[in-house]
N, C-alpha and C. Protein backbone atom coordinates (compact mmCIF):
# COMPACT_ATOMS: atom_id res chain seq x y z
N MET A 1 -17.58 -19.04 -11.01
CA MET A 1 -17.82 -17.98 -10.05
C MET A 1 -16.67 -17.96 -9.05
N GLN A 2 -16.11 -16.80 -8.86
CA GLN A 2 -14.96 -16.64 -7.98
C GLN A 2 -15.04 -15.30 -7.29
N ILE A 3 -14.43 -15.21 -6.13
CA ILE A 3 -14.30 -13.95 -5.41
C ILE A 3 -12.83 -13.57 -5.42
N TRP A 4 -12.55 -12.36 -5.88
CA TRP A 4 -11.20 -11.79 -5.89
C TRP A 4 -11.17 -10.69 -4.83
N VAL A 5 -10.06 -10.58 -4.11
CA VAL A 5 -9.95 -9.59 -3.04
C VAL A 5 -8.75 -8.70 -3.29
N ASP A 6 -9.00 -7.40 -3.36
CA ASP A 6 -7.95 -6.39 -3.40
C ASP A 6 -7.46 -6.30 -1.95
N ALA A 7 -6.49 -7.15 -1.62
CA ALA A 7 -6.21 -7.48 -0.22
C ALA A 7 -5.33 -6.50 0.54
N ASP A 8 -4.58 -5.65 -0.13
CA ASP A 8 -3.67 -4.76 0.59
C ASP A 8 -4.38 -3.87 1.60
N ALA A 9 -5.56 -3.37 1.27
CA ALA A 9 -6.26 -2.46 2.18
C ALA A 9 -7.54 -3.05 2.74
N CYS A 10 -7.77 -4.33 2.51
CA CYS A 10 -9.01 -4.96 2.99
C CYS A 10 -8.92 -5.21 4.50
N PRO A 11 -9.92 -4.76 5.26
CA PRO A 11 -9.88 -4.98 6.71
C PRO A 11 -9.84 -6.47 7.07
N GLY A 12 -9.14 -6.78 8.14
CA GLY A 12 -9.01 -8.17 8.60
C GLY A 12 -10.34 -8.83 8.88
N ALA A 13 -11.30 -8.08 9.42
CA ALA A 13 -12.61 -8.66 9.73
C ALA A 13 -13.31 -9.11 8.44
N ILE A 14 -13.12 -8.39 7.37
CA ILE A 14 -13.73 -8.74 6.09
C ILE A 14 -13.05 -9.98 5.52
N LYS A 15 -11.73 -10.03 5.61
CA LYS A 15 -11.01 -11.22 5.14
C LYS A 15 -11.48 -12.46 5.91
N ALA A 16 -11.62 -12.34 7.22
CA ALA A 16 -12.06 -13.48 8.03
C ALA A 16 -13.46 -13.94 7.60
N MET A 17 -14.33 -12.99 7.31
CA MET A 17 -15.68 -13.31 6.85
C MET A 17 -15.62 -14.06 5.51
N LEU A 18 -14.74 -13.59 4.62
CA LEU A 18 -14.58 -14.23 3.31
C LEU A 18 -14.03 -15.64 3.45
N PHE A 19 -13.09 -15.84 4.37
CA PHE A 19 -12.53 -17.17 4.59
C PHE A 19 -13.62 -18.14 5.04
N ARG A 20 -14.48 -17.69 5.96
CA ARG A 20 -15.57 -18.55 6.43
C ARG A 20 -16.55 -18.85 5.29
N ALA A 21 -16.86 -17.83 4.49
CA ALA A 21 -17.79 -18.03 3.37
C ALA A 21 -17.21 -19.00 2.35
N ALA A 22 -15.91 -18.90 2.08
CA ALA A 22 -15.27 -19.80 1.12
C ALA A 22 -15.46 -21.25 1.55
N GLN A 23 -15.22 -21.53 2.81
CA GLN A 23 -15.36 -22.89 3.32
C GLN A 23 -16.81 -23.34 3.32
N ARG A 24 -17.68 -22.50 3.83
CA ARG A 24 -19.09 -22.87 3.99
C ARG A 24 -19.78 -23.04 2.65
N ARG A 25 -19.51 -22.12 1.69
CA ARG A 25 -20.20 -22.14 0.40
C ARG A 25 -19.39 -22.82 -0.71
N LYS A 26 -18.17 -23.22 -0.37
CA LYS A 26 -17.28 -23.88 -1.34
C LYS A 26 -17.09 -23.03 -2.60
N VAL A 27 -16.75 -21.77 -2.35
CA VAL A 27 -16.47 -20.83 -3.44
C VAL A 27 -15.01 -20.39 -3.32
N MET A 28 -14.35 -20.26 -4.45
CA MET A 28 -12.94 -19.88 -4.46
C MET A 28 -12.78 -18.40 -4.12
N VAL A 29 -11.92 -18.10 -3.15
CA VAL A 29 -11.58 -16.74 -2.76
C VAL A 29 -10.07 -16.58 -2.99
N THR A 30 -9.69 -15.60 -3.80
CA THR A 30 -8.28 -15.35 -4.08
C THR A 30 -7.93 -13.93 -3.67
N LEU A 31 -6.94 -13.80 -2.80
CA LEU A 31 -6.46 -12.51 -2.35
C LEU A 31 -5.28 -12.09 -3.21
N VAL A 32 -5.31 -10.85 -3.69
CA VAL A 32 -4.24 -10.31 -4.52
C VAL A 32 -3.64 -9.12 -3.77
N ALA A 33 -2.32 -9.14 -3.58
CA ALA A 33 -1.67 -8.06 -2.83
C ALA A 33 -0.20 -8.00 -3.19
N ASN A 34 0.43 -6.89 -2.80
CA ASN A 34 1.87 -6.78 -3.03
C ASN A 34 2.65 -7.02 -1.73
N GLN A 35 1.98 -7.50 -0.72
CA GLN A 35 2.59 -7.83 0.57
C GLN A 35 2.37 -9.32 0.84
N PRO A 36 3.23 -9.95 1.64
CA PRO A 36 2.97 -11.34 2.02
C PRO A 36 1.67 -11.44 2.82
N MET A 37 0.94 -12.53 2.63
CA MET A 37 -0.35 -12.71 3.31
C MET A 37 -0.38 -14.05 4.01
N THR A 38 -1.04 -14.07 5.15
CA THR A 38 -1.27 -15.31 5.87
C THR A 38 -2.75 -15.64 5.74
N VAL A 39 -3.02 -16.83 5.23
CA VAL A 39 -4.41 -17.26 5.06
C VAL A 39 -4.56 -18.67 5.59
N PRO A 40 -5.78 -19.06 5.95
CA PRO A 40 -5.99 -20.44 6.40
C PRO A 40 -5.73 -21.42 5.26
N ARG A 41 -5.30 -22.62 5.62
CA ARG A 41 -5.13 -23.67 4.61
C ARG A 41 -6.52 -24.12 4.16
N SER A 42 -6.74 -24.04 2.86
CA SER A 42 -8.03 -24.45 2.31
C SER A 42 -7.90 -24.58 0.81
N GLU A 43 -8.63 -25.53 0.26
CA GLU A 43 -8.66 -25.66 -1.20
C GLU A 43 -9.45 -24.53 -1.84
N PHE A 44 -10.15 -23.75 -1.03
CA PHE A 44 -10.99 -22.67 -1.53
C PHE A 44 -10.39 -21.28 -1.31
N ILE A 45 -9.17 -21.21 -0.77
CA ILE A 45 -8.53 -19.92 -0.50
C ILE A 45 -7.14 -19.93 -1.11
N ALA A 46 -6.86 -18.88 -1.92
CA ALA A 46 -5.55 -18.77 -2.56
C ALA A 46 -5.05 -17.34 -2.46
N THR A 47 -3.78 -17.16 -2.71
CA THR A 47 -3.18 -15.82 -2.73
C THR A 47 -2.37 -15.65 -4.00
N ILE A 48 -2.30 -14.42 -4.45
CA ILE A 48 -1.41 -14.03 -5.54
C ILE A 48 -0.66 -12.81 -5.05
N ARG A 49 0.66 -12.90 -5.06
CA ARG A 49 1.49 -11.76 -4.66
C ARG A 49 2.04 -11.12 -5.93
N VAL A 50 1.79 -9.83 -6.05
CA VAL A 50 2.26 -9.08 -7.22
C VAL A 50 3.39 -8.15 -6.78
N PRO A 51 4.21 -7.68 -7.71
CA PRO A 51 5.26 -6.71 -7.34
C PRO A 51 4.63 -5.41 -6.85
N GLY A 52 5.38 -4.68 -6.06
CA GLY A 52 4.92 -3.37 -5.61
C GLY A 52 4.82 -2.42 -6.78
N GLY A 53 4.01 -1.42 -6.65
CA GLY A 53 3.87 -0.43 -7.72
C GLY A 53 2.42 0.01 -7.85
N MET A 54 2.26 1.12 -8.52
CA MET A 54 0.95 1.75 -8.66
C MET A 54 0.00 0.87 -9.47
N ASN A 55 -1.09 0.45 -8.86
CA ASN A 55 -2.20 -0.26 -9.52
C ASN A 55 -1.83 -1.62 -10.12
N ILE A 56 -0.73 -2.22 -9.72
CA ILE A 56 -0.36 -3.52 -10.28
C ILE A 56 -1.34 -4.59 -9.81
N ALA A 57 -1.70 -4.58 -8.53
CA ALA A 57 -2.69 -5.55 -8.04
C ALA A 57 -4.03 -5.34 -8.73
N ASP A 58 -4.41 -4.08 -8.92
CA ASP A 58 -5.68 -3.78 -9.59
C ASP A 58 -5.69 -4.34 -11.01
N ARG A 59 -4.62 -4.12 -11.74
CA ARG A 59 -4.55 -4.62 -13.12
C ARG A 59 -4.61 -6.16 -13.16
N GLN A 60 -3.95 -6.79 -12.19
CA GLN A 60 -3.97 -8.25 -12.12
C GLN A 60 -5.40 -8.75 -11.87
N ILE A 61 -6.09 -8.10 -10.96
CA ILE A 61 -7.47 -8.49 -10.65
C ILE A 61 -8.36 -8.34 -11.88
N VAL A 62 -8.25 -7.20 -12.57
CA VAL A 62 -9.08 -6.98 -13.76
C VAL A 62 -8.77 -8.04 -14.82
N GLU A 63 -7.50 -8.34 -15.00
CA GLU A 63 -7.11 -9.34 -16.00
C GLU A 63 -7.71 -10.71 -15.69
N LEU A 64 -7.75 -11.09 -14.42
CA LEU A 64 -8.20 -12.42 -14.03
C LEU A 64 -9.72 -12.54 -13.86
N THR A 65 -10.39 -11.42 -13.65
CA THR A 65 -11.83 -11.45 -13.40
C THR A 65 -12.59 -11.89 -14.65
N GLN A 66 -13.57 -12.76 -14.41
CA GLN A 66 -14.46 -13.25 -15.46
C GLN A 66 -15.87 -12.73 -15.20
N PRO A 67 -16.72 -12.67 -16.23
CA PRO A 67 -18.11 -12.28 -16.01
C PRO A 67 -18.75 -13.14 -14.91
N GLY A 68 -19.46 -12.49 -14.01
CA GLY A 68 -20.10 -13.18 -12.90
C GLY A 68 -19.27 -13.23 -11.63
N ASP A 69 -17.98 -12.91 -11.72
CA ASP A 69 -17.12 -12.90 -10.52
C ASP A 69 -17.45 -11.70 -9.65
N LEU A 70 -17.03 -11.78 -8.40
CA LEU A 70 -17.17 -10.68 -7.44
C LEU A 70 -15.78 -10.24 -7.01
N VAL A 71 -15.55 -8.94 -6.98
CA VAL A 71 -14.29 -8.38 -6.51
C VAL A 71 -14.57 -7.56 -5.26
N ILE A 72 -13.79 -7.80 -4.22
CA ILE A 72 -13.90 -7.04 -2.97
C ILE A 72 -12.85 -5.95 -3.03
N THR A 73 -13.31 -4.69 -3.06
CA THR A 73 -12.38 -3.56 -3.15
C THR A 73 -13.06 -2.28 -2.70
N ALA A 74 -12.26 -1.38 -2.15
CA ALA A 74 -12.73 -0.03 -1.84
C ALA A 74 -12.32 0.94 -2.94
N ASP A 75 -11.64 0.44 -3.96
CA ASP A 75 -11.12 1.24 -5.05
C ASP A 75 -12.18 1.36 -6.15
N ILE A 76 -12.81 2.52 -6.27
CA ILE A 76 -13.91 2.70 -7.21
C ILE A 76 -13.46 2.58 -8.67
N PRO A 77 -12.29 3.12 -9.07
CA PRO A 77 -11.87 2.88 -10.45
C PRO A 77 -11.69 1.38 -10.76
N LEU A 78 -11.17 0.61 -9.81
CA LEU A 78 -11.07 -0.83 -10.00
C LEU A 78 -12.46 -1.43 -10.12
N ALA A 79 -13.38 -1.02 -9.27
CA ALA A 79 -14.75 -1.52 -9.34
C ALA A 79 -15.36 -1.23 -10.72
N ALA A 80 -15.12 -0.06 -11.26
CA ALA A 80 -15.65 0.30 -12.58
C ALA A 80 -15.07 -0.61 -13.66
N ASP A 81 -13.79 -0.91 -13.59
CA ASP A 81 -13.17 -1.81 -14.57
C ASP A 81 -13.75 -3.22 -14.46
N VAL A 82 -13.99 -3.67 -13.25
CA VAL A 82 -14.55 -5.01 -13.02
C VAL A 82 -15.96 -5.09 -13.59
N VAL A 83 -16.76 -4.08 -13.32
CA VAL A 83 -18.13 -4.05 -13.83
C VAL A 83 -18.13 -4.02 -15.36
N ALA A 84 -17.20 -3.28 -15.94
CA ALA A 84 -17.09 -3.23 -17.41
C ALA A 84 -16.79 -4.60 -18.00
N LYS A 85 -16.14 -5.48 -17.22
CA LYS A 85 -15.83 -6.84 -17.68
C LYS A 85 -16.96 -7.82 -17.39
N GLY A 86 -18.04 -7.35 -16.77
CA GLY A 86 -19.17 -8.23 -16.50
C GLY A 86 -19.22 -8.77 -15.09
N GLY A 87 -18.33 -8.29 -14.23
CA GLY A 87 -18.35 -8.72 -12.83
C GLY A 87 -19.09 -7.71 -11.97
N GLN A 88 -19.05 -7.95 -10.69
CA GLN A 88 -19.57 -7.01 -9.71
C GLN A 88 -18.48 -6.76 -8.69
N ALA A 89 -18.59 -5.63 -8.00
CA ALA A 89 -17.61 -5.29 -6.97
C ALA A 89 -18.36 -4.92 -5.70
N LEU A 90 -17.80 -5.31 -4.58
CA LEU A 90 -18.38 -5.04 -3.28
C LEU A 90 -17.31 -4.40 -2.42
N ASP A 91 -17.63 -3.22 -1.86
CA ASP A 91 -16.61 -2.61 -1.01
C ASP A 91 -16.79 -3.10 0.43
N PRO A 92 -15.75 -2.99 1.25
CA PRO A 92 -15.81 -3.52 2.62
C PRO A 92 -16.89 -2.89 3.50
N ARG A 93 -17.48 -1.80 3.05
CA ARG A 93 -18.56 -1.17 3.81
C ARG A 93 -19.94 -1.61 3.34
N GLY A 94 -19.97 -2.53 2.37
CA GLY A 94 -21.24 -3.11 1.95
C GLY A 94 -21.88 -2.47 0.73
N HIS A 95 -21.18 -1.60 0.02
CA HIS A 95 -21.73 -1.01 -1.21
C HIS A 95 -21.44 -1.94 -2.38
N LEU A 96 -22.48 -2.38 -3.07
CA LEU A 96 -22.32 -3.25 -4.22
C LEU A 96 -22.30 -2.39 -5.48
N TYR A 97 -21.25 -2.53 -6.28
CA TYR A 97 -21.11 -1.78 -7.53
C TYR A 97 -21.58 -2.64 -8.69
N THR A 98 -22.52 -2.11 -9.45
CA THR A 98 -23.09 -2.80 -10.60
C THR A 98 -23.13 -1.84 -11.78
N GLU A 99 -23.58 -2.32 -12.92
CA GLU A 99 -23.72 -1.45 -14.09
C GLU A 99 -24.63 -0.28 -13.79
N ALA A 100 -25.60 -0.48 -12.91
CA ALA A 100 -26.60 0.55 -12.62
C ALA A 100 -26.05 1.71 -11.80
N ASN A 101 -24.96 1.50 -11.05
CA ASN A 101 -24.52 2.58 -10.16
C ASN A 101 -23.04 2.94 -10.22
N VAL A 102 -22.21 2.15 -10.88
CA VAL A 102 -20.77 2.37 -10.77
C VAL A 102 -20.33 3.67 -11.45
N LYS A 103 -20.94 4.05 -12.55
CA LYS A 103 -20.52 5.29 -13.22
C LYS A 103 -20.81 6.51 -12.36
N GLU A 104 -21.96 6.50 -11.70
CA GLU A 104 -22.29 7.61 -10.80
C GLU A 104 -21.31 7.66 -9.62
N ARG A 105 -21.01 6.50 -9.03
CA ARG A 105 -20.07 6.46 -7.91
C ARG A 105 -18.68 6.94 -8.32
N LEU A 106 -18.27 6.58 -9.54
CA LEU A 106 -16.97 7.00 -10.04
C LEU A 106 -16.95 8.52 -10.26
N ALA A 107 -18.02 9.07 -10.77
CA ALA A 107 -18.10 10.53 -10.98
C ALA A 107 -18.04 11.27 -9.65
N VAL A 108 -18.75 10.78 -8.65
CA VAL A 108 -18.72 11.41 -7.33
C VAL A 108 -17.33 11.31 -6.72
N ARG A 109 -16.70 10.15 -6.87
CA ARG A 109 -15.34 9.97 -6.35
C ARG A 109 -14.38 10.94 -7.01
N ASN A 110 -14.49 11.10 -8.33
CA ASN A 110 -13.61 12.03 -9.05
C ASN A 110 -13.85 13.47 -8.63
N LEU A 111 -15.10 13.83 -8.40
CA LEU A 111 -15.42 15.18 -7.94
C LEU A 111 -14.79 15.44 -6.58
N PHE A 112 -14.96 14.52 -5.65
CA PHE A 112 -14.36 14.71 -4.32
C PHE A 112 -12.85 14.72 -4.38
N ASP A 113 -12.27 13.95 -5.28
CA ASP A 113 -10.83 13.95 -5.46
C ASP A 113 -10.35 15.34 -5.89
N GLU A 114 -11.07 15.95 -6.82
CA GLU A 114 -10.73 17.31 -7.26
C GLU A 114 -10.91 18.32 -6.13
N LEU A 115 -11.99 18.18 -5.37
CA LEU A 115 -12.24 19.10 -4.25
C LEU A 115 -11.16 18.96 -3.17
N ARG A 116 -10.74 17.73 -2.90
CA ARG A 116 -9.66 17.52 -1.93
C ARG A 116 -8.36 18.13 -2.45
N GLY A 117 -8.10 17.95 -3.75
CA GLY A 117 -6.89 18.50 -4.35
C GLY A 117 -6.85 20.01 -4.28
N GLY A 118 -8.02 20.64 -4.32
CA GLY A 118 -8.11 22.10 -4.22
C GLY A 118 -8.23 22.59 -2.78
N GLY A 119 -8.19 21.68 -1.82
CA GLY A 119 -8.27 22.06 -0.41
C GLY A 119 -9.67 22.42 0.05
N LEU A 120 -10.68 22.16 -0.78
CA LEU A 120 -12.05 22.50 -0.42
C LEU A 120 -12.70 21.45 0.47
N VAL A 121 -12.20 20.24 0.40
CA VAL A 121 -12.71 19.15 1.24
C VAL A 121 -11.51 18.52 1.91
N THR A 122 -11.61 18.29 3.21
CA THR A 122 -10.52 17.64 3.94
C THR A 122 -11.07 16.40 4.64
N GLY A 123 -10.19 15.58 5.07
CA GLY A 123 -10.60 14.37 5.78
C GLY A 123 -10.86 13.22 4.82
N GLY A 124 -11.16 12.10 5.40
CA GLY A 124 -11.41 10.91 4.60
C GLY A 124 -12.64 10.20 5.11
N PRO A 125 -12.75 8.93 4.80
CA PRO A 125 -13.92 8.18 5.23
C PRO A 125 -13.92 7.98 6.75
N SER A 126 -15.10 7.72 7.28
CA SER A 126 -15.22 7.45 8.71
C SER A 126 -14.55 6.12 9.04
N ASN A 127 -14.34 5.88 10.32
CA ASN A 127 -13.74 4.62 10.76
C ASN A 127 -14.64 3.45 10.38
N PHE A 128 -14.02 2.31 10.10
CA PHE A 128 -14.74 1.08 9.79
C PHE A 128 -15.50 0.65 11.04
N SER A 129 -16.80 0.39 10.90
CA SER A 129 -17.63 0.15 12.07
C SER A 129 -18.33 -1.21 12.01
N PRO A 130 -18.92 -1.64 13.12
CA PRO A 130 -19.73 -2.87 13.11
C PRO A 130 -20.89 -2.78 12.11
N ARG A 131 -21.44 -1.61 11.92
CA ARG A 131 -22.52 -1.44 10.95
C ARG A 131 -21.99 -1.72 9.53
N ASP A 132 -20.76 -1.26 9.23
CA ASP A 132 -20.15 -1.54 7.93
C ASP A 132 -19.95 -3.05 7.75
N ARG A 133 -19.47 -3.71 8.79
CA ARG A 133 -19.26 -5.16 8.74
C ARG A 133 -20.56 -5.89 8.45
N GLN A 134 -21.63 -5.46 9.10
CA GLN A 134 -22.93 -6.10 8.91
C GLN A 134 -23.46 -5.85 7.50
N ALA A 135 -23.29 -4.63 7.01
CA ALA A 135 -23.73 -4.31 5.64
C ALA A 135 -22.98 -5.17 4.63
N PHE A 136 -21.68 -5.35 4.85
CA PHE A 136 -20.88 -6.21 3.97
C PHE A 136 -21.38 -7.64 4.03
N ALA A 137 -21.58 -8.15 5.22
CA ALA A 137 -22.05 -9.54 5.39
C ALA A 137 -23.38 -9.76 4.67
N ASN A 138 -24.28 -8.80 4.79
CA ASN A 138 -25.59 -8.92 4.14
C ASN A 138 -25.45 -8.95 2.62
N GLN A 139 -24.64 -8.05 2.07
CA GLN A 139 -24.46 -8.01 0.61
C GLN A 139 -23.75 -9.26 0.11
N LEU A 140 -22.74 -9.71 0.84
CA LEU A 140 -22.03 -10.92 0.45
C LEU A 140 -22.97 -12.12 0.44
N ASP A 141 -23.80 -12.24 1.46
CA ASP A 141 -24.74 -13.34 1.53
C ASP A 141 -25.73 -13.29 0.36
N ARG A 142 -26.23 -12.09 0.04
CA ARG A 142 -27.14 -11.94 -1.10
C ARG A 142 -26.46 -12.35 -2.41
N TRP A 143 -25.20 -11.91 -2.58
CA TRP A 143 -24.48 -12.24 -3.81
C TRP A 143 -24.26 -13.75 -3.91
N LEU A 144 -23.83 -14.37 -2.82
CA LEU A 144 -23.58 -15.81 -2.82
C LEU A 144 -24.87 -16.60 -3.10
N THR A 145 -25.97 -16.14 -2.56
CA THR A 145 -27.26 -16.81 -2.78
C THR A 145 -27.66 -16.70 -4.25
N ARG A 146 -27.52 -15.51 -4.84
CA ARG A 146 -27.87 -15.32 -6.26
C ARG A 146 -26.92 -16.11 -7.17
N ALA A 147 -25.66 -16.17 -6.78
CA ALA A 147 -24.66 -16.80 -7.63
C ALA A 147 -24.84 -18.31 -7.70
N LYS A 148 -25.35 -18.90 -6.66
CA LYS A 148 -25.55 -20.36 -6.66
C LYS A 148 -26.84 -20.65 -7.32
């Protein structure tokens, strides 16, 4: 059981929460990004730096993910690939992607992408809030409890 983090766009508060969970629960957390990362020294925290480019970090995460692993990402196509490999994905706002819901979430994401491309929908997600942080913490705790 391992936690992989799509780290380039992951909020700092979520990373800090994951670092604490890694130490407390003794679970491996690996951050994957195309930028240099600063992480606490720990046998339970690692980083992988990939070259810059479209979806390179995502492909690396999918390649390394094993059934039962958790991936932290806001990228729904990445979440769908992880679920197809037998893992689960959790976005920083606390949405857990599983076999039961990832296809629907991907379809909605694709629809909104088309609507944005046609100028019918503008704007993006709301600002990251304390409520999002709490929802993430709750889902992470549930996943860690089930995984052990």
